[in-house]
N, C-alpha and C. Protein backbone atom coordinates (compact mmCIF):
# COMPACT_ATOMS: atom_id res chain seq x y z
N MET A 1 4.97 -6.60 -9.86
CA MET A 1 4.66 -7.65 -8.70
C MET A 1 4.13 -7.14 -7.40
N GLN A 2 2.93 -7.83 -6.96
CA GLN A 2 2.22 -7.41 -5.89
C GLN A 2 2.93 -8.48 -4.82
N PHE A 3 3.06 -8.17 -3.69
CA PHE A 3 3.54 -9.04 -2.59
C PHE A 3 2.31 -9.12 -1.51
N HIS A 4 1.87 -10.58 -1.57
CA HIS A 4 0.69 -10.97 -0.58
C HIS A 4 1.48 -11.28 0.60
N ILE A 5 1.42 -10.54 1.86
CA ILE A 5 2.46 -10.97 2.85
C ILE A 5 1.87 -12.11 3.94
N ASN A 6 2.42 -13.20 3.71
CA ASN A 6 2.30 -14.36 4.93
C ASN A 6 3.52 -14.51 5.37
N SER A 7 4.51 -13.77 5.20
CA SER A 7 5.91 -13.83 5.78
C SER A 7 6.01 -13.26 6.96
N LYS A 8 7.28 -13.60 7.68
CA LYS A 8 7.37 -12.90 8.95
C LYS A 8 7.58 -11.43 8.82
N ASP A 9 7.37 -10.63 9.82
CA ASP A 9 7.69 -9.20 10.03
C ASP A 9 9.41 -8.98 9.51
N SER A 10 10.16 -9.87 9.88
CA SER A 10 11.78 -9.87 9.54
C SER A 10 12.11 -9.56 8.37
N GLN A 11 11.10 -10.83 7.31
CA GLN A 11 11.19 -10.92 6.11
C GLN A 11 10.58 -9.39 5.28
N VAL A 12 9.65 -8.70 5.79
CA VAL A 12 8.83 -7.50 5.29
C VAL A 12 9.87 -6.60 5.67
N ARG A 13 10.46 -6.22 6.82
CA ARG A 13 11.69 -5.31 6.74
C ARG A 13 12.58 -5.39 6.00
N LYS A 14 13.13 -6.48 5.57
CA LYS A 14 14.25 -6.79 4.92
C LYS A 14 14.17 -6.22 3.53
N ASP A 15 12.81 -6.81 2.88
CA ASP A 15 12.17 -6.36 1.73
C ASP A 15 12.03 -4.69 1.62
N ILE A 16 11.72 -4.06 2.87
CA ILE A 16 11.42 -2.50 2.65
C ILE A 16 13.08 -1.92 2.53
N ARG A 17 13.88 -2.31 3.21
CA ARG A 17 15.41 -2.01 3.34
C ARG A 17 16.08 -2.25 1.85
N GLN A 18 15.78 -3.41 1.21
CA GLN A 18 15.97 -3.74 0.21
C GLN A 18 15.49 -2.63 -1.11
N LYS A 19 14.56 -2.08 -0.77
CA LYS A 19 13.57 -1.59 -1.60
C LYS A 19 12.84 -2.09 -2.53
N MET A 20 12.48 -3.44 -1.91
CA MET A 20 11.51 -4.26 -2.89
C MET A 20 10.02 -3.83 -2.48
N ILE A 21 9.85 -3.07 -1.23
CA ILE A 21 8.44 -2.94 -0.92
C ILE A 21 8.55 -1.10 -0.85
N GLY A 22 7.35 -0.44 -1.40
CA GLY A 22 7.59 1.15 -0.88
C GLY A 22 6.33 1.41 -0.75
N PHE A 23 5.46 0.88 -1.13
CA PHE A 23 3.80 1.03 -0.58
C PHE A 23 3.05 -0.08 0.24
N GLY A 24 2.39 0.51 0.86
CA GLY A 24 1.51 -0.62 1.47
C GLY A 24 -0.10 -0.54 0.83
N GLY A 25 -0.80 -1.67 1.16
CA GLY A 25 -2.08 -1.44 0.75
C GLY A 25 -3.03 -2.53 1.42
N ASN A 26 -4.30 -2.43 1.63
CA ASN A 26 -5.21 -2.86 2.09
C ASN A 26 -6.11 -3.68 1.11
N ARG A 27 -5.77 -4.85 0.94
CA ARG A 27 -6.53 -5.86 -0.05
C ARG A 27 -7.74 -5.95 -0.41
N LYS A 28 -8.44 -5.88 1.04
CA LYS A 28 -10.19 -5.77 1.04
C LYS A 28 -10.60 -4.34 0.42
N LEU A 29 -9.88 -3.50 0.76
CA LEU A 29 -10.63 -1.90 0.51
C LEU A 29 -10.01 -1.76 -0.71
N LYS A 30 -8.79 -2.31 -1.54
CA LYS A 30 -8.34 -1.71 -2.54
C LYS A 30 -7.67 -0.26 -2.35
N ILE A 31 -6.87 0.20 -1.10
CA ILE A 31 -6.68 1.21 -0.79
C ILE A 31 -4.90 1.12 -0.63
N TYR A 32 -4.13 1.73 -1.24
CA TYR A 32 -2.64 1.94 -1.01
C TYR A 32 -2.17 3.39 -0.42
N GLY A 33 -1.09 3.27 0.35
CA GLY A 33 -0.41 4.43 0.98
C GLY A 33 0.78 4.29 1.19
N ILE A 34 1.23 5.16 2.01
CA ILE A 34 2.99 4.88 2.43
C ILE A 34 3.06 4.04 3.42
N LEU A 35 4.13 3.71 3.59
CA LEU A 35 4.27 2.37 4.96
C LEU A 35 4.35 3.04 6.19
N HIS A 36 4.37 4.34 6.44
CA HIS A 36 4.14 4.90 7.77
C HIS A 36 3.02 5.17 8.11
N CYS A 37 1.91 5.15 7.34
CA CYS A 37 0.56 5.86 7.54
C CYS A 37 -0.16 5.22 8.51
N SER A 38 -0.35 6.24 9.64
CA SER A 38 -1.39 5.72 10.88
C SER A 38 -2.61 4.88 10.43
N SER A 39 -3.22 5.26 9.47
CA SER A 39 -4.18 4.23 8.93
C SER A 39 -4.04 2.97 8.65
N GLY A 40 -3.21 2.72 7.80
CA GLY A 40 -2.49 1.68 7.61
C GLY A 40 -1.74 0.79 8.38
N LYS A 41 -1.25 1.19 9.65
CA LYS A 41 -0.97 0.31 10.72
C LYS A 41 -2.02 -0.07 11.37
N ARG A 42 -2.98 0.49 11.32
CA ARG A 42 -4.28 -0.33 11.99
C ARG A 42 -5.27 -1.25 11.22
N MET A 43 -4.63 -1.68 9.85
CA MET A 43 -5.23 -2.42 9.32
C MET A 43 -5.03 -3.76 9.68
N LYS A 44 -5.82 -4.73 9.51
CA LYS A 44 -5.74 -6.11 9.71
C LYS A 44 -4.36 -7.02 9.11
N ARG A 45 -3.90 -7.74 9.69
CA ARG A 45 -2.74 -8.13 9.04
C ARG A 45 -3.03 -8.86 7.73
N GLU A 46 -4.13 -9.67 7.91
CA GLU A 46 -4.38 -10.47 6.72
C GLU A 46 -4.88 -9.81 5.25
N ASN A 47 -5.16 -8.70 5.77
CA ASN A 47 -5.61 -7.60 4.44
C ASN A 47 -4.35 -6.87 4.00
N ARG A 48 -3.38 -7.07 4.56
CA ARG A 48 -2.19 -6.23 4.11
C ARG A 48 -1.50 -6.72 2.92
N VAL A 49 -0.98 -5.81 1.96
CA VAL A 49 -0.47 -6.21 0.58
C VAL A 49 0.78 -5.03 0.10
N PHE A 50 1.84 -5.45 -0.18
CA PHE A 50 2.94 -4.60 -0.37
C PHE A 50 3.25 -4.40 -2.00
N PHE A 51 3.49 -2.99 -2.25
CA PHE A 51 3.87 -3.04 -3.58
C PHE A 51 5.39 -2.25 -3.72
N VAL A 52 5.95 -2.49 -5.08
CA VAL A 52 7.28 -1.62 -5.01
C VAL A 52 7.10 -0.47 -5.57
N SER A 53 5.88 0.07 -6.10
CA SER A 53 5.80 1.65 -6.56
C SER A 53 4.34 1.88 -6.62
N GLU A 54 4.12 3.08 -6.52
CA GLU A 54 2.55 3.71 -6.93
C GLU A 54 2.34 2.82 -8.05
N GLU A 55 2.65 3.31 -9.14
CA GLU A 55 2.56 2.33 -10.57
C GLU A 55 1.84 1.25 -10.47
N GLU A 56 2.59 0.37 -9.79
CA GLU A 56 1.98 -1.08 -9.42
C GLU A 56 1.16 -1.37 -8.80
N ALA A 57 0.64 -0.47 -7.70
CA ALA A 57 -0.46 -0.60 -6.89
C ALA A 57 -1.75 0.10 -7.51
N LYS A 58 -1.47 1.10 -8.55
CA LYS A 58 -2.51 1.61 -9.26
C LYS A 58 -2.82 0.51 -10.47
N LYS A 59 -2.02 -0.09 -11.09
CA LYS A 59 -2.28 -1.49 -12.26
C LYS A 59 -3.06 -2.31 -11.49
N GLU A 60 -2.97 -2.42 -10.24
CA GLU A 60 -3.56 -3.49 -9.34
C GLU A 60 -5.22 -3.08 -9.18
N GLY A 61 -5.33 -1.89 -9.48
CA GLY A 61 -6.82 -1.50 -9.19
C GLY A 61 -7.06 -0.95 -7.63
N PHE A 62 -5.72 -0.37 -7.07
CA PHE A 62 -5.99 0.52 -5.83
C PHE A 62 -5.90 1.76 -6.16
N ARG A 63 -6.53 2.20 -5.06
CA ARG A 63 -6.68 3.96 -4.99
C ARG A 63 -5.73 4.40 -4.22
N PRO A 64 -5.53 5.90 -3.91
CA PRO A 64 -4.50 6.51 -3.00
C PRO A 64 -5.25 6.36 -1.63
N CYS A 65 -4.52 6.63 -0.52
CA CYS A 65 -5.31 6.56 0.84
C CYS A 65 -5.60 8.11 0.91
N GLY A 66 -6.62 8.30 1.31
CA GLY A 66 -7.26 9.91 1.47
C GLY A 66 -6.57 10.67 2.75
N HIS A 67 -5.41 9.74 3.49
CA HIS A 67 -5.30 10.35 4.93
C HIS A 67 -3.66 10.59 4.67
N CYS A 68 -2.86 9.68 4.10
CA CYS A 68 -1.46 10.09 3.84
C CYS A 68 -1.11 10.21 2.45
N MET A 69 -1.78 10.52 1.43
CA MET A 69 -1.62 10.92 0.19
C MET A 69 -2.79 11.69 -0.55
N LYS A 70 -2.87 12.90 0.35
CA LYS A 70 -4.02 13.48 -0.18
C LYS A 70 -4.18 14.16 -1.30
N ALA A 71 -2.88 14.62 -2.08
CA ALA A 71 -3.29 15.19 -3.29
C ALA A 71 -3.39 14.04 -4.46
N ALA A 72 -2.75 12.99 -4.05
CA ALA A 72 -3.11 11.76 -5.21
C ALA A 72 -4.39 11.42 -4.97
N TYR A 73 -5.02 11.28 -3.69
CA TYR A 73 -6.52 11.08 -3.49
C TYR A 73 -7.11 12.06 -4.10
N GLN A 74 -6.88 13.38 -3.99
CA GLN A 74 -7.92 14.28 -4.68
C GLN A 74 -7.73 14.17 -6.15
N ARG A 75 -6.70 13.89 -6.78
CA ARG A 75 -6.66 13.51 -7.88
C ARG A 75 -7.60 12.49 -8.24
N TRP A 76 -7.49 11.42 -7.82
CA TRP A 76 -8.15 10.05 -8.15
C TRP A 76 -9.70 10.62 -8.06
N LYS A 77 -10.19 11.13 -7.06
CA LYS A 77 -11.45 11.59 -6.71
C LYS A 77 -12.05 12.41 -7.64
N GLU A 78 -11.21 13.21 -8.28
CA GLU A 78 -11.71 14.21 -9.50
C GLU A 78 -11.82 13.59 -10.65
N GLN A 79 -11.44 12.56 -11.08
CA GLN A 79 -11.23 11.59 -12.33
C GLN A 79 -12.98 11.30 -12.56
N PRO A 80 -13.09 11.42 -13.72
CA PRO A 80 -14.74 10.63 -14.27
C PRO A 80 -14.74 9.57 -14.14
């Protein structure tokens, strides 16, 4: 389940504490990363999406962030 967030920040924080959100992504750029990524924190609110897992983000067609997930990004980049 992909979380398109139009809810309040308090609900997002609650979902993170309850492990319903594990990764954040940029809907427009199709990039996902860890929740504390400095690049992710700068994205526009309307582009934010959240995922339970990395597998879910990949299934939705998102690629790893080159800043906070360097090893996963490198593997993704090397794929044919």
